[in-house]
Protein backbone atom coordinates (compact mmCIF):
# COMPACT_ATOMS: atom_id res chain seq x y z
CA MET A 1 -94.48 47.84 -61.64
CA GLY A 2 -94.27 51.05 -59.71
CA LYS A 3 -91.49 53.52 -60.13
CA SER A 4 -89.26 54.70 -57.33
CA ARG A 5 -88.88 58.23 -56.44
CA LEU A 6 -86.24 60.13 -58.38
CA GLY A 7 -83.00 60.49 -56.38
CA THR A 8 -83.94 58.10 -53.62
CA HIS A 9 -82.21 54.77 -52.64
CA PRO A 10 -83.37 51.81 -50.56
CA ARG A 11 -82.31 52.15 -46.83
CA GLN A 12 -79.43 49.79 -45.95
CA LYS A 13 -79.65 48.19 -42.50
CA ARG A 14 -76.42 48.00 -40.24
CA PRO A 15 -75.62 44.46 -39.08
CA ARG A 16 -76.23 43.73 -35.41
CA LEU A 17 -73.85 41.62 -33.19
CA LEU A 18 -75.79 38.88 -31.58
CA ALA A 19 -74.83 36.71 -28.63
CA GLY A 20 -72.76 33.77 -29.77
CA ASP A 21 -71.48 35.55 -32.86
CA LYS A 22 -67.92 34.36 -33.59
CA ARG A 23 -66.76 37.79 -34.52
CA SER A 24 -65.21 39.93 -31.75
CA SER A 25 -64.79 43.55 -31.14
CA PRO A 26 -61.28 45.06 -31.39
CA ARG A 27 -61.29 45.66 -27.65
CA ARG A 28 -61.95 42.01 -26.84
CA THR A 29 -59.31 40.82 -29.31
CA GLN A 30 -56.70 43.08 -27.76
CA GLY A 31 -57.55 41.85 -24.27
CA ALA A 32 -57.14 38.19 -25.27
CA LEU A 33 -53.80 38.94 -26.89
CA GLU A 34 -52.56 40.74 -23.82
CA GLY A 35 -53.59 37.76 -21.68
CA ARG A 36 -51.62 35.35 -23.82
CA VAL A 37 -48.58 37.62 -23.71
CA ALA A 38 -48.83 37.89 -19.93
CA GLU A 39 -49.05 34.07 -19.56
CA ARG A 40 -46.06 33.53 -21.78
CA THR A 41 -44.14 36.22 -19.91
CA ARG A 42 -44.95 34.50 -16.60
CA LYS A 43 -43.79 31.11 -17.91
CA LEU A 44 -40.62 32.64 -19.31
CA ALA A 45 -39.91 34.32 -15.98
CA GLU A 46 -40.42 30.98 -14.18
CA ALA A 47 -38.12 29.25 -16.63
CA ASN A 48 -35.49 31.96 -16.12
CA ARG A 49 -35.82 31.60 -12.35
CA LEU A 50 -35.29 27.81 -12.57
CA LEU A 51 -32.37 28.27 -14.93
CA ALA A 52 -30.78 30.81 -12.61
CA GLY A 53 -31.16 28.33 -9.72
CA ARG A 54 -29.57 25.55 -11.72
CA LEU A 55 -26.72 27.82 -12.82
CA ALA A 56 -26.13 28.75 -9.19
CA GLU A 57 -26.00 25.04 -8.28
CA VAL A 58 -23.56 24.38 -11.13
CA ARG A 59 -21.33 27.24 -10.00
CA LYS A 60 -21.48 25.95 -6.43
CA MET A 61 -20.53 22.46 -7.62
CA GLU A 62 -17.72 23.86 -9.77
CA LYS A 63 -16.41 25.81 -6.78
CA ALA A 64 -16.58 22.73 -4.55
CA LEU A 65 -14.86 20.68 -7.25
CA ALA A 66 -12.10 23.25 -7.61
CA GLU A 67 -11.65 23.32 -3.83
CA SER A 68 -11.56 19.52 -3.74
CA GLU A 69 -9.02 19.52 -6.55
CA ARG A 70 -6.81 21.97 -4.64
CA THR A 71 -7.11 19.87 -1.48
CA TYR A 72 -6.32 16.67 -3.41
CA ARG A 73 -3.28 18.20 -5.08
CA GLY A 74 -2.13 19.62 -1.75
CA LEU A 75 -2.36 16.22 -0.09
CA VAL A 76 -0.64 14.45 -2.97
CA SER A 77 2.08 17.10 -3.08
CA ASN A 78 2.94 16.58 0.60
CA LEU A 79 2.89 12.79 0.70
CA GLU A 80 6.17 11.16 1.69
CA VAL A 81 5.93 8.69 -1.18
CA GLY A 82 6.30 9.40 -4.88
CA ILE A 83 3.07 9.78 -6.88
CA LEU A 84 2.93 9.94 -10.67
CA THR A 85 -0.10 9.66 -12.94
CA ALA A 86 -0.32 9.39 -16.71
CA SER A 87 -3.06 9.22 -19.31
CA GLY A 88 -3.97 6.01 -21.10
CA ASP A 89 -1.49 6.78 -23.85
CA GLY A 90 1.31 7.23 -21.33
CA VAL A 91 1.61 11.04 -21.10
CA VAL A 92 2.53 12.19 -17.59
CA ASP A 93 0.06 14.72 -16.18
CA LEU A 94 0.89 14.76 -12.45
CA VAL A 95 3.91 14.16 -10.25
CA ASN A 96 4.33 15.22 -6.63
CA ARG A 97 7.25 16.79 -4.80
CA LYS A 98 8.56 13.54 -3.32
CA GLY A 99 8.28 11.83 -6.69
CA LEU A 100 10.47 14.46 -8.32
CA ALA A 101 13.04 14.09 -5.53
CA ILE A 102 13.14 10.30 -5.92
CA LEU A 103 13.44 10.49 -9.70
CA GLY A 104 15.94 13.34 -9.56
CA LEU A 105 13.95 15.35 -12.13
CA THR A 106 12.06 18.63 -12.40
CA GLU A 107 8.43 19.16 -13.41
CA LYS A 108 9.54 20.45 -16.82
CA GLU A 109 11.46 17.22 -17.39
CA VAL A 110 8.44 15.06 -16.52
CA LEU A 111 5.08 16.68 -17.27
CA GLY A 112 3.82 16.19 -20.80
CA LEU A 113 6.33 13.45 -21.62
CA GLU A 114 5.53 9.83 -22.35
CA THR A 115 6.66 7.53 -19.55
CA SER A 116 8.95 5.63 -21.92
CA ARG A 117 10.73 8.90 -22.82
CA LEU A 118 11.61 10.01 -19.30
CA PRO A 119 15.38 10.59 -18.95
CA LEU A 120 15.82 7.60 -16.60
CA ALA A 121 17.67 4.30 -16.82
CA PHE A 122 16.17 1.23 -15.11
CA PHE A 123 17.99 -1.92 -14.03
CA ARG A 124 17.02 -5.39 -12.84
CA GLU A 125 18.17 -6.76 -9.52
CA ASP A 126 20.98 -8.66 -11.28
CA GLY A 127 22.28 -5.34 -12.64
CA SER A 128 21.18 -5.86 -16.25
CA PRO A 129 19.60 -2.80 -17.96
CA VAL A 130 15.88 -2.56 -18.70
CA ARG A 131 14.64 -1.09 -21.98
CA PRO A 132 12.60 2.12 -21.56
CA GLU A 133 9.49 0.42 -22.96
CA ASP A 134 9.86 -2.30 -20.31
CA GLY A 135 9.99 0.08 -17.35
CA PRO A 136 7.37 -0.27 -14.58
CA LEU A 137 4.89 2.33 -15.90
CA ALA A 138 5.36 1.52 -19.58
CA ARG A 139 4.77 -2.17 -18.87
CA VAL A 140 1.46 -1.52 -17.09
CA ILE A 141 0.34 0.77 -19.91
CA LEU A 142 1.18 -2.00 -22.39
CA THR A 143 -0.41 -4.90 -20.50
CA GLY A 144 -3.14 -3.15 -18.47
CA GLU A 145 -2.19 -5.33 -15.50
CA PRO A 146 -1.30 -3.87 -12.06
CA LEU A 147 2.18 -4.05 -10.59
CA ARG A 148 2.74 -4.31 -6.84
CA ASP A 149 5.89 -3.67 -4.80
CA GLU A 150 8.30 -4.43 -7.62
CA PRO A 151 11.90 -3.35 -6.91
CA ALA A 152 13.79 -1.68 -9.72
CA GLY A 153 17.21 -0.12 -9.98
CA LEU A 154 17.17 3.50 -11.13
CA ARG A 155 20.05 5.62 -12.36
CA ARG A 156 19.19 9.28 -12.02
CA PRO A 157 20.48 11.85 -14.52
CA GLY A 158 24.06 12.83 -13.76
CA GLU A 159 24.59 10.01 -11.23
CA GLU A 160 26.61 6.82 -11.51
CA ALA A 161 25.18 5.03 -8.47
CA ILE A 162 21.99 3.00 -8.84
CA ALA A 163 19.14 3.87 -6.48
CA TRP A 164 16.67 1.13 -5.57
CA ILE A 165 13.00 2.02 -5.86
CA SER A 166 9.86 0.01 -5.09
CA PHE A 167 7.07 0.59 -7.64
CA SER A 168 3.34 -0.14 -7.42
CA VAL A 169 1.44 0.83 -10.57
CA PHE A 170 -2.34 0.62 -10.95
CA PRO A 171 -4.32 0.92 -14.20
CA GLU A 172 -7.78 2.51 -14.50
CA HIS A 173 -10.20 1.34 -17.20
CA ASP A 174 -13.46 2.77 -18.48
CA ALA A 175 -16.76 0.85 -18.83
CA ARG A 176 -15.60 -0.58 -22.15
CA GLY A 177 -12.33 -1.85 -20.71
CA ASN A 178 -10.17 0.81 -22.32
CA LEU A 179 -7.16 2.05 -20.35
CA VAL A 180 -7.75 5.68 -19.39
CA ARG A 181 -5.13 6.30 -16.68
CA VAL A 182 -2.30 4.76 -14.70
CA ALA A 183 -1.17 5.79 -11.22
CA ALA A 184 2.24 4.92 -9.78
CA VAL A 185 3.20 4.92 -6.10
CA PHE A 186 6.92 4.55 -5.47
CA SER A 187 9.48 4.96 -2.70
CA ASP A 188 13.23 4.79 -2.24
CA ILE A 189 14.12 1.48 -0.60
CA GLY A 190 17.88 1.92 -0.68
CA GLU A 191 18.16 2.29 3.10
CA ARG A 192 15.89 -0.70 3.66
CA ARG A 193 17.98 -2.84 1.29
CA ARG A 194 21.15 -1.76 3.07
CA LEU A 195 19.70 -2.77 6.44
CA GLU A 196 18.45 -6.06 5.01
CA GLU A 197 21.92 -6.78 3.64
CA GLU A 198 23.51 -5.96 7.00
CA LEU A 199 21.00 -8.22 8.74
CA ARG A 200 21.72 -11.04 6.29
CA GLU A 201 25.47 -10.68 6.87
CA SER A 202 24.91 -10.55 10.64
CA ARG A 203 22.88 -13.77 10.49
CA GLU A 204 25.58 -15.45 8.45
CA ARG A 205 28.24 -14.42 11.00
CA PHE A 206 26.04 -15.68 13.82
CA GLN A 207 25.47 -18.98 12.04
CA PHE A 208 29.20 -19.40 11.50
CA LEU A 209 30.03 -18.64 15.13
CA PHE A 210 27.16 -20.80 16.33
CA ARG A 211 28.23 -23.81 14.27
CA HIS A 212 31.85 -23.56 15.46
CA PHE A 213 31.16 -22.61 19.08
CA PRO A 214 33.14 -25.14 21.19
CA GLN A 215 30.41 -25.70 23.77
CA PRO A 216 27.40 -27.90 22.90
CA THR A 217 24.59 -25.44 22.14
CA CYS A 218 20.95 -25.96 21.19
CA VAL A 219 18.34 -23.48 20.06
CA PHE A 220 14.73 -23.68 21.25
CA ARG A 221 12.02 -21.52 19.66
CA LEU A 222 8.44 -20.89 20.74
CA GLU A 223 6.15 -22.64 18.26
CA LYS A 224 2.43 -23.28 18.81
CA GLY A 225 2.67 -22.58 22.52
CA ASP A 226 5.70 -24.76 23.30
CA LEU A 227 9.47 -24.51 23.07
CA VAL A 228 10.76 -26.66 20.20
CA LEU A 229 14.33 -27.73 19.40
CA VAL A 230 15.05 -26.10 16.03
CA GLU A 231 18.83 -26.15 15.75
CA ALA A 232 22.06 -27.46 17.32
CA ASN A 233 25.73 -26.81 16.66
CA ARG A 234 28.48 -29.27 15.77
CA ALA A 235 29.63 -29.66 19.37
CA ALA A 236 26.10 -30.57 20.45
CA PHE A 237 25.74 -33.17 17.69
CA ALA A 238 29.11 -34.66 18.68
CA ALA A 239 28.12 -34.81 22.37
CA GLY A 240 24.82 -36.44 21.45
CA ARG A 241 26.66 -39.28 19.70
CA GLY A 242 24.10 -39.60 16.94
CA HIS A 243 21.01 -39.25 19.12
CA LEU A 244 20.43 -35.50 18.78
CA GLU A 245 19.54 -35.48 15.07
CA GLY A 246 16.32 -37.36 15.77
CA LEU A 247 15.24 -34.78 18.35
CA LEU A 248 15.16 -31.79 15.99
CA GLY A 249 11.62 -30.44 15.68
CA ARG A 250 10.46 -32.05 18.93
CA ARG A 251 9.07 -30.24 21.96
CA ALA A 252 11.25 -29.52 24.98
CA GLY A 253 8.76 -31.31 27.24
CA GLU A 254 9.28 -34.52 25.28
CA ILE A 255 13.07 -34.20 25.15
CA PHE A 256 13.56 -33.44 28.85
CA VAL A 257 10.85 -35.68 30.28
CA ASN A 258 13.48 -37.14 32.66
CA LEU A 259 15.17 -33.76 33.30
CA PRO A 260 12.35 -31.51 34.54
CA GLU A 261 14.83 -28.97 35.92
CA VAL A 262 16.11 -28.31 32.37
CA TYR A 263 12.58 -27.91 31.03
CA LEU A 264 11.60 -25.54 33.85
CA SER A 265 14.80 -23.51 33.41
CA LEU A 266 14.07 -23.06 29.70
CA TRP A 267 10.68 -21.58 30.50
CA THR A 268 12.08 -19.49 33.38
CA ALA A 269 14.57 -17.88 31.01
CA PHE A 270 11.93 -17.39 28.29
CA GLU A 271 9.17 -15.94 30.46
CA GLY A 272 11.60 -13.83 32.51
CA ARG A 273 13.36 -12.55 29.36
CA ARG A 274 16.72 -13.18 31.06
CA SER A 275 19.71 -15.49 31.26
CA LEU A 276 20.43 -17.98 34.00
CA LYS A 277 22.88 -20.75 34.82
CA ARG A 278 22.26 -24.06 36.55
CA ARG A 279 24.37 -26.99 37.80
CA ILE A 280 22.58 -30.07 36.49
CA ASP A 281 23.57 -33.73 36.36
CA ILE A 282 23.06 -34.93 32.78
CA ARG A 283 23.45 -38.40 31.41
CA VAL A 284 24.91 -38.35 27.92
CA PRO A 285 24.04 -41.46 25.83
CA GLU A 286 26.30 -44.43 26.53
CA SER A 287 27.79 -42.83 29.68
CA SER A 288 26.97 -42.30 33.32
CA PRO A 289 25.46 -39.03 34.66
CA SER A 290 27.94 -36.16 34.99
CA PRO A 291 27.64 -32.62 36.39
CA TYR A 292 27.23 -29.84 33.81
CA ALA A 293 27.08 -26.07 34.03
CA VAL A 294 24.05 -25.36 31.86
CA SER A 295 23.32 -21.82 30.64
CA PHE A 296 19.91 -20.67 29.41
CA VAL A 297 20.02 -17.44 27.38
CA PHE A 298 16.89 -15.68 26.16
CA VAL A 299 17.23 -14.30 22.61
CA PRO A 300 14.46 -11.90 21.50
CA PRO A 301 11.87 -12.28 20.34
CA ASP A 302 11.13 -15.99 20.85
CA MET A 303 14.24 -18.14 21.38
CA VAL A 304 16.30 -19.62 24.20
CA LEU A 305 19.88 -20.83 23.71
CA LEU A 306 20.94 -23.76 25.86
CA HIS A 307 24.61 -24.60 26.16
CA ALA A 308 26.30 -26.97 28.56
CA VAL A 309 29.87 -27.35 29.85
CA LYS A 310 30.93 -30.52 31.60
CA LEU A 311 32.35 -29.92 35.09
CA ASP A 312 35.40 -31.84 36.25
CA GLY A 313 37.11 -32.06 39.63
CA ASP A 314 37.05 -28.82 41.60
CA ASP A 315 34.64 -27.20 39.10
CA ALA A 316 31.99 -29.75 39.98
CA GLU A 317 32.37 -28.95 43.67
CA THR A 318 32.36 -25.17 43.38
CA ALA A 319 29.75 -24.66 40.64
CA THR A 320 26.82 -22.56 41.80
CA GLU A 321 23.61 -21.37 40.21
CA ARG A 322 23.48 -17.83 38.85
CA GLU A 323 20.88 -15.62 37.20
CA THR A 324 21.49 -12.63 34.93
CA PRO A 325 18.71 -10.06 34.52
């Protein structure tokens, strides 16, 4: 074996980078890293842009919702009927101006209270008191069933008189059937009840006078295109001698088939919306024909009163026909 030279070492060869070698130079590694950072930065910027657009849409929707809420509350506040809403557990969260006026309360006395705890006293139409838990709103909250046009007496705080209010209460349920809200619409019907009572009393007075009016009087009403005998007073039944009762509900054309002038005068008064008077010979059952002064009086909206007075002596000679506009 040969000896190497003193102080000399074998020459070490430096590795060469060949094509396809998996190892990279520091410059190439840095470039790839910068590319990945740039791509991620671009994606993040795009995501931020989309998020900003969605946030702008949300803000726009929130603004529109707030505007709609203001418009809704403005409309509700100015309605001429009372509006009150409560949550599913009965806590009042909205009442409008008219509602406060009808109830005789302030917002502080209503908002945030349970409907059964409102300082109000309810009464039935017979005057008997209603328990707070049986009031219109509390009853709908308990049953979940709507209430429509139910009258209720209401005694406002500090008042002795009972005001009459008409309530309609509507429940709102979620998809599972749970009660989430009730809305009440109510109005003061005191004036309407007063007018209805006056009308009822007026009808009773008219009926009394009509029944005891000394001249035979019949009432014809328009029904299904024809005038029908619907009522007669005591004098008319007496003059008819038992024959008039069987004519009630029959058409004028059938009743006066032999007295066409009476039938035509009924329609003349009805269509002309006026009163008129005729001299007509009428044969009462079981008697010979006699002259009568017959008046036809239109009564709005759809009736004609017919009353007849028998003419005797000079009256029969001097009776003339008259019309009243």
